[in-house]
Amino acid sequence: MTYEIAGFELHEKVFENERTIIHRGTRLADGLTVAVKLANSPYSMQEDMIRLKFEYDILREVNVDGASRAYSLESISSGYA
């Protein structure tokens, strides 16, 4: 399945399981290299969207060297990325 997210170019898939896909990508506005996490279904369940939002909220609060940073939560046709 191919995902398109406005403002981002997705590159290779770096992880996939039955619930999640993670792509390496680029934010087009500034060229920042990013990891984009998506639910692994075009018809994601409500609980998957709640989980992604919860993970985003937690990462926004973490400010530790070496930890991943959450830059944005993007709305896409199947939920969030």
Protein backbone atom coordinates (compact mmCIF):
# COMPACT_ATOMS: atom_id res chain seq x y z
CA MET A 1 0.00 0.00 0.00
CA THR A 2 1.27 3.47 -0.86
CA TYR A 3 0.63 6.37 1.49
CA GLU A 4 0.76 10.02 0.53
CA ILE A 5 1.02 12.70 3.18
CA ALA A 6 0.88 16.35 2.15
CA GLY A 7 4.18 18.09 2.85
CA PHE A 8 6.20 14.87 3.20
CA GLU A 9 8.04 12.54 0.88
CA LEU A 10 8.11 8.96 2.13
CA HIS A 11 11.14 6.82 1.39
CA GLU A 12 11.83 3.26 2.44
CA LYS A 13 9.77 1.29 4.92
CA VAL A 14 11.89 0.58 8.00
CA PHE A 15 9.37 -1.38 10.10
CA GLU A 16 6.05 -3.15 9.68
CA ASN A 17 3.87 -5.35 11.84
CA GLU A 18 0.14 -6.09 11.87
CA ARG A 19 -0.71 -2.70 13.45
CA THR A 20 2.01 -0.23 12.43
CA ILE A 21 4.19 0.84 9.51
CA ILE A 22 7.15 3.20 9.91
CA HIS A 23 8.71 4.94 6.91
CA ARG A 24 11.83 7.06 6.70
CA GLY A 25 11.00 10.29 4.94
CA THR A 26 11.62 13.99 4.41
CA ARG A 27 9.55 16.98 5.49
CA LEU A 28 9.43 19.07 2.32
CA ALA A 29 9.17 22.47 4.05
CA ASP A 30 12.70 22.28 5.49
CA GLY A 31 14.30 19.02 4.31
CA LEU A 32 14.23 17.52 7.83
CA THR A 33 14.67 13.73 7.87
CA VAL A 34 11.73 12.18 9.70
CA ALA A 35 10.22 8.84 10.67
CA VAL A 36 6.53 8.62 9.82
CA LYS A 37 4.41 6.17 11.81
CA LEU A 38 1.09 5.02 10.37
CA ALA A 39 -1.58 2.50 11.28
CA ASN A 40 -1.19 -0.56 9.03
CA SER A 41 -4.68 -0.49 7.54
CA PRO A 42 -6.52 1.85 5.22
CA TYR A 43 -9.51 1.35 7.55
CA SER A 44 -7.81 1.74 10.90
CA MET A 45 -9.74 1.01 14.01
CA GLN A 46 -10.59 3.78 16.43
CA GLU A 47 -8.23 2.28 19.02
CA ASP A 48 -5.29 2.53 16.58
CA MET A 49 -5.97 6.24 16.09
CA ILE A 50 -6.27 6.77 19.85
CA ARG A 51 -2.95 4.92 20.36
CA LEU A 52 -1.12 7.03 17.74
CA LYS A 53 -2.48 10.24 19.29
CA PHE A 54 -1.47 9.06 22.78
CA GLU A 55 2.07 8.20 21.62
CA TYR A 56 2.34 11.61 19.93
CA ASP A 57 1.21 13.41 23.09
CA ILE A 58 3.81 11.56 25.17
CA LEU A 59 6.65 12.18 22.71
CA ARG A 60 5.82 15.90 22.58
CA GLU A 61 6.61 16.09 26.30
CA VAL A 62 9.90 14.15 26.16
CA ASN A 63 13.00 16.33 25.90
CA VAL A 64 15.91 13.93 26.37
CA ASP A 65 19.05 13.69 24.25
CA GLY A 66 18.89 10.60 22.05
CA ALA A 67 15.11 10.19 22.31
CA SER A 68 12.82 10.48 19.30
CA ARG A 69 10.99 13.79 18.91
CA ALA A 70 7.44 14.27 17.71
CA TYR A 71 7.23 17.24 15.35
CA SER A 72 3.61 17.01 14.24
CA LEU A 73 0.53 14.82 14.09
CA GLU A 74 -0.80 14.87 10.53
CA SER A 75 -4.37 14.06 9.52
CA ILE A 76 -4.60 11.67 6.59
CA SER A 77 -7.59 9.96 4.96
CA SER A 78 -7.27 6.86 7.17
CA GLY A 79 -6.57 8.67 10.44
CA TYR A 80 -3.25 10.08 11.66
CA ALA A 81 0.43 9.89 10.74
